[in-house]
Amino acid sequence: AAKDDRIQALYLELHDISAGFGKLNEL
């Protein structure tokens, strides 16, 4: 999406995230 000319914004829909701090850092 960051590289897509047609996309102007990112919309993250979040539900019950249970990942650890390592994966959160990747995101």
PDB file of all heavy atoms in Angstrom:
ATOM      1  N   ALA A   1       0.833  -1.213   0.000  1.00  0.00           N
ATOM      2  CA  ALA A   1       0.000   0.000   0.000  1.00  0.00           C
ATOM      3  C   ALA A   1       0.864   1.257   0.000  1.00  0.00           C
ATOM      4  O   ALA A   1       0.520   2.261  -0.622  1.00  0.00           O
ATOM      5  CB  ALA A   1      -0.923  -0.007   1.216  1.00  0.00           C
ATOM      6  N   ALA A   2       2.011   1.195   0.677  1.00  0.00           N
ATOM      7  CA  ALA A   2       2.911   2.356   0.723  1.00  0.00           C
ATOM      8  C   ALA A   2       3.449   2.695  -0.665  1.00  0.00           C
ATOM      9  O   ALA A   2       3.675   3.864  -0.992  1.00  0.00           O
ATOM     10  CB  ALA A   2       4.066   2.080   1.682  1.00  0.00           C
ATOM     11  N   LYS A   3       3.635   1.678  -1.498  1.00  0.00           N
ATOM     12  CA  LYS A   3       4.213   1.876  -2.823  1.00  0.00           C
ATOM     13  C   LYS A   3       3.162   2.077  -3.915  1.00  0.00           C
ATOM     14  O   LYS A   3       3.500   2.372  -5.056  1.00  0.00           O
ATOM     15  CB  LYS A   3       5.081   0.671  -3.193  1.00  0.00           C
ATOM     16  CG  LYS A   3       6.280   0.474  -2.275  1.00  0.00           C
ATOM     17  CD  LYS A   3       7.034  -0.789  -2.659  1.00  0.00           C
ATOM     18  CE  LYS A   3       8.229  -1.037  -1.746  1.00  0.00           C
ATOM     19  NZ  LYS A   3       8.958  -2.270  -2.086  1.00  0.00           N
ATOM     20  N   ASP A   4       1.902   1.892  -3.556  1.00  0.00           N
ATOM     21  CA  ASP A   4       0.823   1.925  -4.544  1.00  0.00           C
ATOM     22  C   ASP A   4       0.401   3.369  -4.825  1.00  0.00           C
ATOM     23  O   ASP A   4      -0.095   4.079  -3.942  1.00  0.00           O
ATOM     24  CB  ASP A   4      -0.363   1.117  -4.017  1.00  0.00           C
ATOM     25  CG  ASP A   4      -1.427   0.859  -5.076  1.00  0.00           C
ATOM     26  OD1 ASP A   4      -1.455   1.606  -6.079  1.00  0.00           O
ATOM     27  OD2 ASP A   4      -2.211  -0.091  -4.914  1.00  0.00           O
ATOM     28  N   ASP A   5       0.595   3.826  -6.070  1.00  0.00           N
ATOM     29  CA  ASP A   5       0.212   5.184  -6.481  1.00  0.00           C
ATOM     30  C   ASP A   5      -1.261   5.472  -6.228  1.00  0.00           C
ATOM     31  O   ASP A   5      -1.647   6.620  -5.976  1.00  0.00           O
ATOM     32  CB  ASP A   5       0.476   5.376  -7.981  1.00  0.00           C
ATOM     33  CG  ASP A   5       1.959   5.461  -8.295  1.00  0.00           C
ATOM     34  OD1 ASP A   5       2.756   5.480  -7.341  1.00  0.00           O
ATOM     35  OD2 ASP A   5       2.309   5.506  -9.486  1.00  0.00           O
ATOM     36  N   ARG A   6      -2.083   4.440  -6.302  1.00  0.00           N
ATOM     37  CA  ARG A   6      -3.536   4.644  -6.210  1.00  0.00           C
ATOM     38  C   ARG A   6      -4.004   4.815  -4.773  1.00  0.00           C
ATOM     39  O   ARG A   6      -5.141   5.195  -4.533  1.00  0.00           O
ATOM     40  CB  ARG A   6      -4.258   3.454  -6.840  1.00  0.00           C
ATOM     41  CG  ARG A   6      -3.927   3.235  -8.308  1.00  0.00           C
ATOM     42  CD  ARG A   6      -4.363   1.848  -8.745  1.00  0.00           C
ATOM     43  NE  ARG A   6      -3.673   0.817  -7.976  1.00  0.00           N
ATOM     44  CZ  ARG A   6      -3.970  -0.477  -8.032  1.00  0.00           C
ATOM     45  NH1 ARG A   6      -4.948  -0.890  -8.824  1.00  0.00           N
ATOM     46  NH2 ARG A   6      -3.293  -1.356  -7.314  1.00  0.00           N
ATOM     47  N   ILE A   7      -3.144   4.473  -3.803  1.00  0.00           N
ATOM     48  CA  ILE A   7      -3.522   4.511  -2.390  1.00  0.00           C
ATOM     49  C   ILE A   7      -3.011   5.792  -1.738  1.00  0.00           C
ATOM     50  O   ILE A   7      -1.830   6.127  -1.845  1.00  0.00           O
ATOM     51  CB  ILE A   7      -2.967   3.277  -1.653  1.00  0.00           C
ATOM     52  CG1 ILE A   7      -3.605   1.997  -2.209  1.00  0.00           C
ATOM     53  CG2 ILE A   7      -3.179   3.387  -0.152  1.00  0.00           C
ATOM     54  CD1 ILE A   7      -5.114   1.934  -2.054  1.00  0.00           C
ATOM     55  N   GLN A   8      -3.906   6.504  -1.046  1.00  0.00           N
ATOM     56  CA  GLN A   8      -3.532   7.753  -0.394  1.00  0.00           C
ATOM     57  C   GLN A   8      -3.495   7.648   1.128  1.00  0.00           C
ATOM     58  O   GLN A   8      -3.020   8.553   1.807  1.00  0.00           O
ATOM     59  CB  GLN A   8      -4.505   8.875  -0.786  1.00  0.00           C
ATOM     60  CG  GLN A   8      -4.311   9.377  -2.204  1.00  0.00           C
ATOM     61  CD  GLN A   8      -4.945   8.448  -3.233  1.00  0.00           C
ATOM     62  OE1 GLN A   8      -6.110   8.112  -3.131  1.00  0.00           O
ATOM     63  NE2 GLN A   8      -4.165   8.037  -4.213  1.00  0.00           N
ATOM     64  N   ALA A   9      -4.023   6.542   1.690  1.00  0.00           N
ATOM     65  CA  ALA A   9      -4.030   6.408   3.141  1.00  0.00           C
ATOM     66  C   ALA A   9      -4.187   4.946   3.529  1.00  0.00           C
ATOM     67  O   ALA A   9      -4.624   4.111   2.722  1.00  0.00           O
ATOM     68  CB  ALA A   9      -5.140   7.244   3.763  1.00  0.00           C
ATOM     69  N   LEU A  10      -3.825   4.653   4.762  1.00  0.00           N
ATOM     70  CA  LEU A  10      -3.939   3.304   5.320  1.00  0.00           C
ATOM     71  C   LEU A  10      -4.939   3.322   6.463  1.00  0.00           C
ATOM     72  O   LEU A  10      -4.884   4.182   7.339  1.00  0.00           O
ATOM     73  CB  LEU A  10      -2.569   2.841   5.829  1.00  0.00           C
ATOM     74  CG  LEU A  10      -2.514   1.483   6.548  1.00  0.00           C
ATOM     75  CD1 LEU A  10      -2.814   0.346   5.572  1.00  0.00           C
ATOM     76  CD2 LEU A  10      -1.143   1.283   7.199  1.00  0.00           C
ATOM     77  N   TYR A  11      -5.844   2.369   6.457  1.00  0.00           N
ATOM     78  CA  TYR A  11      -6.848   2.237   7.518  1.00  0.00           C
ATOM     79  C   TYR A  11      -6.674   0.865   8.158  1.00  0.00           C
ATOM     80  O   TYR A  11      -6.935  -0.154   7.537  1.00  0.00           O
ATOM     81  CB  TYR A  11      -8.239   2.435   6.916  1.00  0.00           C
ATOM     82  CG  TYR A  11      -9.411   1.817   7.640  1.00  0.00           C
ATOM     83  CD1 TYR A  11      -9.459   1.685   9.024  1.00  0.00           C
ATOM     84  CD2 TYR A  11     -10.532   1.383   6.908  1.00  0.00           C
ATOM     85  CE1 TYR A  11     -10.551   1.115   9.655  1.00  0.00           C
ATOM     86  CE2 TYR A  11     -11.634   0.827   7.529  1.00  0.00           C
ATOM     87  CZ  TYR A  11     -11.638   0.690   8.905  1.00  0.00           C
ATOM     88  OH  TYR A  11     -12.719   0.126   9.536  1.00  0.00           O
ATOM     89  N   LEU A  12      -6.197   0.853   9.412  1.00  0.00           N
ATOM     90  CA  LEU A  12      -6.024  -0.391  10.159  1.00  0.00           C
ATOM     91  C   LEU A  12      -7.230  -0.611  11.060  1.00  0.00           C
ATOM     92  O   LEU A  12      -7.557   0.241  11.892  1.00  0.00           O
ATOM     93  CB  LEU A  12      -4.756  -0.336  11.011  1.00  0.00           C
ATOM     94  CG  LEU A  12      -3.421  -0.254  10.283  1.00  0.00           C
ATOM     95  CD1 LEU A  12      -2.282  -0.208  11.288  1.00  0.00           C
ATOM     96  CD2 LEU A  12      -3.232  -1.419   9.316  1.00  0.00           C
ATOM     97  N   GLU A  13      -7.884  -1.745  10.889  1.00  0.00           N
ATOM     98  CA  GLU A  13      -8.997  -2.133  11.758  1.00  0.00           C
ATOM     99  C   GLU A  13      -8.448  -3.155  12.751  1.00  0.00           C
ATOM    100  O   GLU A  13      -7.969  -4.226  12.355  1.00  0.00           O
ATOM    101  CB  GLU A  13     -10.132  -2.734  10.931  1.00  0.00           C
ATOM    102  CG  GLU A  13     -11.339  -3.115  11.755  1.00  0.00           C
ATOM    103  CD  GLU A  13     -12.427  -3.766  10.917  1.00  0.00           C
ATOM    104  OE1 GLU A  13     -12.326  -3.764   9.677  1.00  0.00           O
ATOM    105  OE2 GLU A  13     -13.369  -4.317  11.517  1.00  0.00           O
ATOM    106  N   LEU A  14      -8.494  -2.829  14.030  1.00  0.00           N
ATOM    107  CA  LEU A  14      -7.848  -3.661  15.048  1.00  0.00           C
ATOM    108  C   LEU A  14      -8.878  -4.382  15.906  1.00  0.00           C
ATOM    109  O   LEU A  14      -9.862  -3.783  16.351  1.00  0.00           O
ATOM    110  CB  LEU A  14      -6.947  -2.803  15.943  1.00  0.00           C
ATOM    111  CG  LEU A  14      -5.891  -1.936  15.236  1.00  0.00           C
ATOM    112  CD1 LEU A  14      -5.052  -1.190  16.260  1.00  0.00           C
ATOM    113  CD2 LEU A  14      -4.998  -2.787  14.335  1.00  0.00           C
ATOM    114  N   HIS A  15      -8.621  -5.674  16.150  1.00  0.00           N
ATOM    115  CA  HIS A  15      -9.502  -6.483  17.004  1.00  0.00           C
ATOM    116  C   HIS A  15      -8.668  -7.385  17.894  1.00  0.00           C
ATOM    117  O   HIS A  15      -7.887  -8.209  17.405  1.00  0.00           O
ATOM    118  CB  HIS A  15     -10.437  -7.361  16.155  1.00  0.00           C
ATOM    119  CG  HIS A  15     -11.480  -6.612  15.408  1.00  0.00           C
ATOM    120  ND1 HIS A  15     -12.649  -6.185  15.979  1.00  0.00           N
ATOM    121  CD2 HIS A  15     -11.518  -6.193  14.117  1.00  0.00           C
ATOM    122  CE1 HIS A  15     -13.376  -5.543  15.070  1.00  0.00           C
ATOM    123  NE2 HIS A  15     -12.703  -5.536  13.929  1.00  0.00           N
ATOM    124  N   ASP A  16      -8.773  -7.240  19.186  1.00  0.00           N
ATOM    125  CA  ASP A  16      -8.250  -8.205  20.158  1.00  0.00           C
ATOM    126  C   ASP A  16      -6.823  -8.661  19.823  1.00  0.00           C
ATOM    127  O   ASP A  16      -6.559  -9.844  19.661  1.00  0.00           O
ATOM    128  CB  ASP A  16      -9.188  -9.414  20.218  1.00  0.00           C
ATOM    129  CG  ASP A  16      -8.899 -10.295  21.420  1.00  0.00           C
ATOM    130  OD1 ASP A  16      -8.360  -9.781  22.410  1.00  0.00           O
ATOM    131  OD2 ASP A  16      -9.182 -11.508  21.345  1.00  0.00           O
ATOM    132  N   ILE A  17      -5.894  -7.741  19.719  1.00  0.00           N
ATOM    133  CA  ILE A  17      -4.506  -8.082  19.433  1.00  0.00           C
ATOM    134  C   ILE A  17      -3.878  -8.730  20.665  1.00  0.00           C
ATOM    135  O   ILE A  17      -3.928  -8.178  21.766  1.00  0.00           O
ATOM    136  CB  ILE A  17      -3.685  -6.822  19.052  1.00  0.00           C
ATOM    137  CG1 ILE A  17      -4.316  -6.119  17.847  1.00  0.00           C
ATOM    138  CG2 ILE A  17      -2.241  -7.182  18.787  1.00  0.00           C
ATOM    139  CD1 ILE A  17      -4.227  -6.856  16.551  1.00  0.00           C
ATOM    140  N   SER A  18      -3.284  -9.898  20.481  1.00  0.00           N
ATOM    141  CA  SER A  18      -2.656 -10.607  21.600  1.00  0.00           C
ATOM    142  C   SER A  18      -1.189 -10.925  21.335  1.00  0.00           C
ATOM    143  O   SER A  18      -0.588 -11.719  22.046  1.00  0.00           O
ATOM    144  CB  SER A  18      -3.422 -11.906  21.897  1.00  0.00           C
ATOM    145  OG  SER A  18      -3.479 -12.729  20.734  1.00  0.00           O
ATOM    146  N   ALA A  19      -0.611 -10.329  20.309  1.00  0.00           N
ATOM    147  CA  ALA A  19       0.789 -10.586  19.961  1.00  0.00           C
ATOM    148  C   ALA A  19       1.715 -10.028  21.035  1.00  0.00           C
ATOM    149  O   ALA A  19       1.340  -9.167  21.823  1.00  0.00           O
ATOM    150  CB  ALA A  19       1.111  -9.947  18.612  1.00  0.00           C
ATOM    151  N   GLY A  20       2.955 -10.535  21.054  1.00  0.00           N
ATOM    152  CA  GLY A  20       3.949 -10.043  21.985  1.00  0.00           C
ATOM    153  C   GLY A  20       4.601  -8.766  21.483  1.00  0.00           C
ATOM    154  O   GLY A  20       4.334  -8.286  20.377  1.00  0.00           O
ATOM    155  N   PHE A  21       5.499  -8.221  22.299  1.00  0.00           N
ATOM    156  CA  PHE A  21       6.131  -6.937  21.963  1.00  0.00           C
ATOM    157  C   PHE A  21       7.029  -7.032  20.733  1.00  0.00           C
ATOM    158  O   PHE A  21       7.237  -6.039  20.045  1.00  0.00           O
ATOM    159  CB  PHE A  21       6.923  -6.421  23.164  1.00  0.00           C
ATOM    160  CG  PHE A  21       6.064  -5.960  24.307  1.00  0.00           C
ATOM    161  CD1 PHE A  21       6.119  -6.603  25.543  1.00  0.00           C
ATOM    162  CD2 PHE A  21       5.186  -4.902  24.149  1.00  0.00           C
ATOM    163  CE1 PHE A  21       5.328  -6.176  26.596  1.00  0.00           C
ATOM    164  CE2 PHE A  21       4.376  -4.471  25.194  1.00  0.00           C
ATOM    165  CZ  PHE A  21       4.453  -5.118  26.430  1.00  0.00           C
ATOM    166  N   GLY A  22       7.570  -8.211  20.454  1.00  0.00           N
ATOM    167  CA  GLY A  22       8.407  -8.364  19.264  1.00  0.00           C
ATOM    168  C   GLY A  22       7.618  -8.155  17.987  1.00  0.00           C
ATOM    169  O   GLY A  22       8.021  -7.384  17.105  1.00  0.00           O
ATOM    170  N   LYS A  23       6.477  -8.810  17.872  1.00  0.00           N
ATOM    171  CA  LYS A  23       5.643  -8.663  16.672  1.00  0.00           C
ATOM    172  C   LYS A  23       5.064  -7.253  16.586  1.00  0.00           C
ATOM    173  O   LYS A  23       4.924  -6.698  15.491  1.00  0.00           O
ATOM    174  CB  LYS A  23       4.523  -9.703  16.697  1.00  0.00           C
ATOM    175  CG  LYS A  23       5.002 -11.137  16.550  1.00  0.00           C
ATOM    176  CD  LYS A  23       3.853 -12.099  16.752  1.00  0.00           C
ATOM    177  CE  LYS A  23       4.355 -13.531  16.834  1.00  0.00           C
ATOM    178  NZ  LYS A  23       3.288 -14.453  17.266  1.00  0.00           N
ATOM    179  N   LEU A  24       4.720  -6.692  17.739  1.00  0.00           N
ATOM    180  CA  LEU A  24       4.204  -5.318  17.729  1.00  0.00           C
ATOM    181  C   LEU A  24       5.242  -4.368  17.159  1.00  0.00           C
ATOM    182  O   LEU A  24       4.906  -3.429  16.423  1.00  0.00           O
ATOM    183  CB  LEU A  24       3.825  -4.879  19.142  1.00  0.00           C
ATOM    184  CG  LEU A  24       2.635  -5.581  19.805  1.00  0.00           C
ATOM    185  CD1 LEU A  24       2.348  -4.953  21.157  1.00  0.00           C
ATOM    186  CD2 LEU A  24       1.395  -5.542  18.932  1.00  0.00           C
ATOM    187  N   ASN A  25       6.500  -4.595  17.487  1.00  0.00           N
ATOM    188  CA  ASN A  25       7.561  -3.737  16.966  1.00  0.00           C
ATOM    189  C   ASN A  25       7.664  -3.845  15.448  1.00  0.00           C
ATOM    190  O   ASN A  25       7.899  -2.855  14.754  1.00  0.00           O
ATOM    191  CB  ASN A  25       8.894  -4.103  17.608  1.00  0.00           C
ATOM    192  CG  ASN A  25       9.971  -3.075  17.327  1.00  0.00           C
ATOM    193  OD1 ASN A  25       9.797  -1.890  17.567  1.00  0.00           O
ATOM    194  ND2 ASN A  25      11.098  -3.528  16.796  1.00  0.00           N
ATOM    195  N   GLU A  26       7.485  -5.057  14.910  1.00  0.00           N
ATOM    196  CA  GLU A  26       7.499  -5.251  13.451  1.00  0.00           C
ATOM    197  C   GLU A  26       6.379  -4.435  12.809  1.00  0.00           C
ATOM    198  O   GLU A  26       6.579  -3.774  11.784  1.00  0.00           O
ATOM    199  CB  GLU A  26       7.327  -6.731  13.114  1.00  0.00           C
ATOM    200  CG  GLU A  26       8.451  -7.638  13.568  1.00  0.00           C
ATOM    201  CD  GLU A  26       9.598  -7.695  12.580  1.00  0.00           C
ATOM    202  OE1 GLU A  26       9.393  -7.345  11.411  1.00  0.00           O
ATOM    203  OE2 GLU A  26      10.696  -8.105  12.993  1.00  0.00           O
ATOM    204  N   LEU A  27       5.191  -4.481  13.410  1.00  0.00           N
ATOM    205  CA  LEU A  27       4.048  -3.744  12.853  1.00  0.00           C
ATOM    206  C   LEU A  27       4.251  -2.240  12.952  1.00  0.00           C
ATOM    207  O   LEU A  27       3.977  -1.500  11.999  1.00  0.00           O
ATOM    208  CB  LEU A  27       2.769  -4.153  13.584  1.00  0.00           C
ATOM    209  CG  LEU A  27       2.098  -5.427  13.085  1.00  0.00           C
ATOM    210  CD1 LEU A  27       1.046  -5.891  14.070  1.00  0.00           C
ATOM    211  CD2 LEU A  27       1.483  -5.217  11.715  1.00  0.00           C
TER     212      LEU A  27
END
